[in-house]
C-alpha atoms as a PDB file:
ATOM      1  CA  MET A   1     159.905 129.148  79.004  1.00  0.00           C
ATOM      2  CA  ARG A   2     162.749 131.651  79.067  1.00  0.00           C
ATOM      3  CA  ALA A   3     160.451 134.498  80.141  1.00  0.00           C
ATOM      4  CA  GLN A   4     158.707 132.398  82.807  1.00  0.00           C
ATOM      5  CA  SER A   5     162.016 131.390  84.395  1.00  0.00           C
ATOM      6  CA  ALA A   6     163.955 134.625  83.893  1.00  0.00           C
ATOM      7  CA  ASP A   7     164.803 135.002  87.613  1.00  0.00           C
ATOM      8  CA  LEU A   8     166.194 131.459  87.847  1.00  0.00           C
ATOM      9  CA  LEU A   9     168.135 131.806  84.619  1.00  0.00           C
ATOM     10  CA  ALA A  10     169.629 135.168  85.611  1.00  0.00           C
ATOM     11  CA  ALA A  11     171.122 133.593  88.739  1.00  0.00           C
ATOM     12  CA  ALA A  12     172.323 130.431  86.957  1.00  0.00           C
ATOM     13  CA  ASP A  13     175.979 129.691  86.394  1.00  0.00           C
ATOM     14  CA  VAL A  14     175.185 126.603  84.321  1.00  0.00           C
ATOM     15  CA  LEU A  15     172.212 124.648  83.023  1.00  0.00           C
ATOM     16  CA  VAL A  16     172.281 120.877  83.390  1.00  0.00           C
ATOM     17  CA  PRO A  17     169.796 118.868  81.316  1.00  0.00           C
ATOM     18  CA  VAL A  18     168.363 115.685  82.813  1.00  0.00           C
ATOM     19  CA  PRO A  19     170.087 112.913  80.860  1.00  0.00           C
ATOM     20  CA  LEU A  20     168.530 109.991  79.059  1.00  0.00           C
ATOM     21  CA  HIS A  21     170.058 106.535  79.248  1.00  0.00           C
ATOM     22  CA  ARG A  22     172.261 106.020  76.200  1.00  0.00           C
ATOM     23  CA  ALA A  23     169.956 103.307  74.786  1.00  0.00           C
ATOM     24  CA  ARG A  24     166.903 105.598  75.029  1.00  0.00           C
ATOM     25  CA  ARG A  25     168.903 108.502  73.582  1.00  0.00           C
ATOM     26  CA  ARG A  26     170.012 106.332  70.681  1.00  0.00           C
ATOM     27  CA  SER A  27     166.469 105.116  69.927  1.00  0.00           C
ATOM     28  CA  ARG A  28     164.879 108.578  70.279  1.00  0.00           C
ATOM     29  CA  GLY A  29     167.653 110.428  68.453  1.00  0.00           C
ATOM     30  CA  PHE A  30     167.656 113.436  70.775  1.00  0.00           C
ATOM     31  CA  ASN A  31     167.380 114.476  74.423  1.00  0.00           C
ATOM     32  CA  GLN A  32     164.499 116.914  74.797  1.00  0.00           C
ATOM     33  CA  ALA A  33     165.897 118.303  78.067  1.00  0.00           C
ATOM     34  CA  HIS A  34     169.195 119.152  76.371  1.00  0.00           C
ATOM     35  CA  ASP A  35     167.415 120.805  73.443  1.00  0.00           C
ATOM     36  CA  LEU A  36     165.325 122.898  75.856  1.00  0.00           C
ATOM     37  CA  ALA A  37     168.400 123.902  77.880  1.00  0.00           C
ATOM     38  CA  ALA A  38     170.276 124.947  74.743  1.00  0.00           C
ATOM     39  CA  ALA A  39     167.501 127.434  73.936  1.00  0.00           C
ATOM     40  CA  LEU A  40     167.590 129.162  77.332  1.00  0.00           C
ATOM     41  CA  GLY A  41     170.825 131.143  77.209  1.00  0.00           C
ATOM     42  CA  PRO A  42     173.201 130.235  80.062  1.00  0.00           C
ATOM     43  CA  PRO A  43     175.953 127.695  79.353  1.00  0.00           C
ATOM     44  CA  VAL A  44     174.769 124.091  79.133  1.00  0.00           C
ATOM     45  CA  VAL A  45     176.935 121.496  80.854  1.00  0.00           C
ATOM     46  CA  ALA A  46     176.185 117.795  80.446  1.00  0.00           C
ATOM     47  CA  ALA A  47     177.278 117.195  84.033  1.00  0.00           C
ATOM     48  CA  LEU A  48     175.096 114.163  84.663  1.00  0.00           C
ATOM     49  CA  ARG A  49     174.783 110.776  83.081  1.00  0.00           C
ATOM     50  CA  ARG A  50     172.214 108.076  83.607  1.00  0.00           C
ATOM     51  CA  ILE A  51     174.218 105.066  84.747  1.00  0.00           C
ATOM     52  CA  ARG A  52     171.394 102.569  84.498  1.00  0.00           C
ATOM     53  CA  ALA A  53     168.239 102.345  82.452  1.00  0.00           C
ATOM     54  CA  THR A  54     165.009 103.006  84.306  1.00  0.00           C
ATOM     55  CA  THR A  55     161.503 101.956  83.431  1.00  0.00           C
ATOM     56  CA  ALA A  56     159.029 104.514  82.129  1.00  0.00           C
ATOM     57  CA  GLN A  57     157.452 106.265  85.096  1.00  0.00           C
ATOM     58  CA  THR A  58     154.009 107.034  83.681  1.00  0.00           C
ATOM     59  CA  GLU A  59     152.261 104.216  85.571  1.00  0.00           C
ATOM     60  CA  LEU A  60     154.354 104.341  88.774  1.00  0.00           C
ATOM     61  CA  THR A  61     153.276 105.771  92.118  1.00  0.00           C
ATOM     62  CA  ALA A  62     155.292 108.565  93.713  1.00  0.00           C
ATOM     63  CA  GLY A  63     157.185 106.036  95.846  1.00  0.00           C
ATOM     64  CA  GLY A  64     157.724 103.807  92.837  1.00  0.00           C
ATOM     65  CA  ARG A  65     159.155 106.740  90.904  1.00  0.00           C
ATOM     66  CA  ARG A  66     161.621 107.540  93.695  1.00  0.00           C
ATOM     67  CA  ARG A  67     162.743 103.901  93.850  1.00  0.00           C
ATOM     68  CA  ASN A  68     162.991 103.760  90.056  1.00  0.00           C
ATOM     69  CA  VAL A  69     165.467 106.661  89.810  1.00  0.00           C
ATOM     70  CA  ARG A  70     167.401 106.017  93.047  1.00  0.00           C
ATOM     71  CA  GLY A  71     171.049 105.539  92.093  1.00  0.00           C
ATOM     72  CA  ALA A  72     170.329 106.060  88.392  1.00  0.00           C
ATOM     73  CA  PHE A  73     172.463 109.213  87.990  1.00  0.00           C
ATOM     74  CA  ALA A  74     176.123 110.083  88.435  1.00  0.00           C
ATOM     75  CA  ILE A  75     178.515 112.875  87.532  1.00  0.00           C
ATOM     76  CA  ALA A  76     179.487 112.475  83.892  1.00  0.00           C
ATOM     77  CA  PRO A  77     183.122 112.412  82.879  1.00  0.00           C
ATOM     78  CA  ALA A  78     184.098 115.600  81.049  1.00  0.00           C
ATOM     79  CA  GLY A  79     185.426 115.231  77.515  1.00  0.00           C
ATOM     80  CA  TYR A  80     184.798 111.850  75.966  1.00  0.00           C
ATOM     81  CA  ARG A  81     187.785 112.007  73.583  1.00  0.00           C
ATOM     82  CA  ARG A  82     189.697 108.770  73.296  1.00  0.00           C
ATOM     83  CA  GLY A  83     193.231 108.940  74.589  1.00  0.00           C
ATOM     84  CA  SER A  84     192.408 111.816  76.922  1.00  0.00           C
ATOM     85  CA  TRP A  85     192.605 111.678  80.694  1.00  0.00           C
ATOM     86  CA  SER A  86     191.311 108.746  82.684  1.00  0.00           C
ATOM     87  CA  ALA A  87     187.592 108.566  83.416  1.00  0.00           C
ATOM     88  CA  GLU A  88     188.267 109.426  87.057  1.00  0.00           C
ATOM     89  CA  SER A  89     190.277 112.531  86.088  1.00  0.00           C
ATOM     90  CA  ARG A  90     187.476 113.571  83.748  1.00  0.00           C
ATOM     91  CA  ARG A  91     184.860 113.091  86.522  1.00  0.00           C
ATOM     92  CA  ARG A  92     186.985 115.272  88.827  1.00  0.00           C
ATOM     93  CA  ALA A  93     187.125 117.950  86.121  1.00  0.00           C
ATOM     94  CA  MET A  94     183.324 117.877  85.804  1.00  0.00           C
ATOM     95  CA  THR A  95     182.942 118.048  89.589  1.00  0.00           C
ATOM     96  CA  GLU A  96     185.188 121.116  89.609  1.00  0.00           C
ATOM     97  CA  ALA A  97     182.966 122.681  86.920  1.00  0.00           C
ATOM     98  CA  ILE A  98     179.938 122.208  89.203  1.00  0.00           C
ATOM     99  CA  ALA A  99     181.430 122.939  92.631  1.00  0.00           C
ATOM    100  CA  GLY A 100     180.366 126.264  94.088  1.00  0.00           C
ATOM    101  CA  ARG A 101     178.032 127.027  91.169  1.00  0.00           C
ATOM    102  CA  VAL A 102     174.338 127.794  90.931  1.00  0.00           C
ATOM    103  CA  VAL A 103     173.030 124.936  88.801  1.00  0.00           C
ATOM    104  CA  VAL A 104     169.644 124.884  87.114  1.00  0.00           C
ATOM    105  CA  LEU A 105     168.368 121.453  86.126  1.00  0.00           C
ATOM    106  CA  VAL A 106     166.286 121.410  82.947  1.00  0.00           C
ATOM    107  CA  ASP A 107     163.655 118.788  82.130  1.00  0.00           C
ATOM    108  CA  ASP A 108     160.508 118.635  80.039  1.00  0.00           C
ATOM    109  CA  VAL A 109     157.915 117.607  82.643  1.00  0.00           C
ATOM    110  CA  ILE A 110     157.776 117.345  86.419  1.00  0.00           C
ATOM    111  CA  THR A 111     155.227 115.046  87.989  1.00  0.00           C
ATOM    112  CA  THR A 112     156.354 114.022  91.480  1.00  0.00           C
ATOM    113  CA  GLY A 113     159.829 115.554  91.315  1.00  0.00           C
ATOM    114  CA  ALA A 114     161.552 112.200  91.846  1.00  0.00           C
ATOM    115  CA  THR A 115     163.870 112.523  88.838  1.00  0.00           C
ATOM    116  CA  LEU A 116     164.813 116.115  89.620  1.00  0.00           C
ATOM    117  CA  GLU A 117     165.431 115.214  93.281  1.00  0.00           C
ATOM    118  CA  ALA A 118     167.699 112.314  92.297  1.00  0.00           C
ATOM    119  CA  CYS A 119     169.664 114.548  89.915  1.00  0.00           C
ATOM    120  CA  ALA A 120     169.888 117.379  92.455  1.00  0.00           C
ATOM    121  CA  ALA A 121     171.271 115.010  95.100  1.00  0.00           C
ATOM    122  CA  VAL A 122     174.142 114.035  92.784  1.00  0.00           C
ATOM    123  CA  LEU A 123     174.876 117.678  91.918  1.00  0.00           C
ATOM    124  CA  ARG A 124     174.813 118.726  95.602  1.00  0.00           C
ATOM    125  CA  ALA A 125     177.163 115.854  96.453  1.00  0.00           C
ATOM    126  CA  ALA A 126     179.487 117.206  93.739  1.00  0.00           C
ATOM    127  CA  GLY A 127     179.530 120.553  95.547  1.00  0.00           C
ATOM    128  CA  ALA A 128     176.947 122.659  93.706  1.00  0.00           C
ATOM    129  CA  ALA A 129     176.200 125.765  95.765  1.00  0.00           C
ATOM    130  CA  ASP A 130     172.526 125.690  94.834  1.00  0.00           C
ATOM    131  CA  VAL A 131     170.423 123.449  92.603  1.00  0.00           C
ATOM    132  CA  ARG A 132     167.213 124.745  91.075  1.00  0.00           C
ATOM    133  CA  ALA A 133     164.958 123.362  88.357  1.00  0.00           C
ATOM    134  CA  VAL A 134     163.082 124.550  85.287  1.00  0.00           C
ATOM    135  CA  THR A 135     160.562 122.439  83.398  1.00  0.00           C
ATOM    136  CA  VAL A 136     158.251 123.111  80.501  1.00  0.00           C
ATOM    137  CA  ALA A 137     155.225 121.560  82.165  1.00  0.00           C
ATOM    138  CA  ARG A 138     153.934 120.155  85.406  1.00  0.00           C
ATOM    139  CA  ALA A 139     151.818 117.041  85.146  1.00  0.00           C
ATOM    140  CA  VAL A 140     148.779 117.012  87.387  1.00  0.00           C
ATOM    141  CA  ILE A 141     147.828 113.611  88.655  1.00  0.00           C
ATOM    142  CA  GLY A 142     144.194 113.286  89.538  1.00  0.00           C
ATOM    143  CA  ARG A 143     141.875 110.442  90.258  1.00  0.00           C
ATOM    144  CA  ARG A 144     140.977 108.347  87.299  1.00  0.00           C
ATOM    145  CA  ARG A 145     137.281 107.792  86.755  1.00  0.00           C
END
C-alpha cells in the first residue's frame, strides 16, 4: 500500500483515518483504517469522529450510501484528557492542525466513495488545503446473477 501510494504520501502533511462509531470500535476492538494509516509513515491525526452510528452499507445503493453517511462526521476534539480545555477549544485546536494542510484520508475499502466524500467535506470545511484518499481495495459492484 505504501509503495502504491508513494506520491500521495510524499505530499501529505497528515494522514486521517476514517473513524468508526465508538460502539462499533468498542465491539470490534480496533479501527482498521487507523491501523493502516499508522503503517504508512506520515503523522496520523485522528481529526474526525463519527457523531452518529450508521447502518452497514453493503446492501445500500450509491444514493443510499450517501444518505447514510450525510452528517455522520465532524471534527474531533483534540486531547480527550479530563480537566483539559473545553470541547470547543479542543475542536478549534484540531481545526488549526488541519487548516492549510494536505490531508490524506485512509480507509480499507472504497465502493462508491460516499464515506470518503463525507469525510473530505468536513476536512475541507475545517480549512484543509487539499484532501486526498488512500484505500487498500476498491470494491467492484457488478450485476448479480
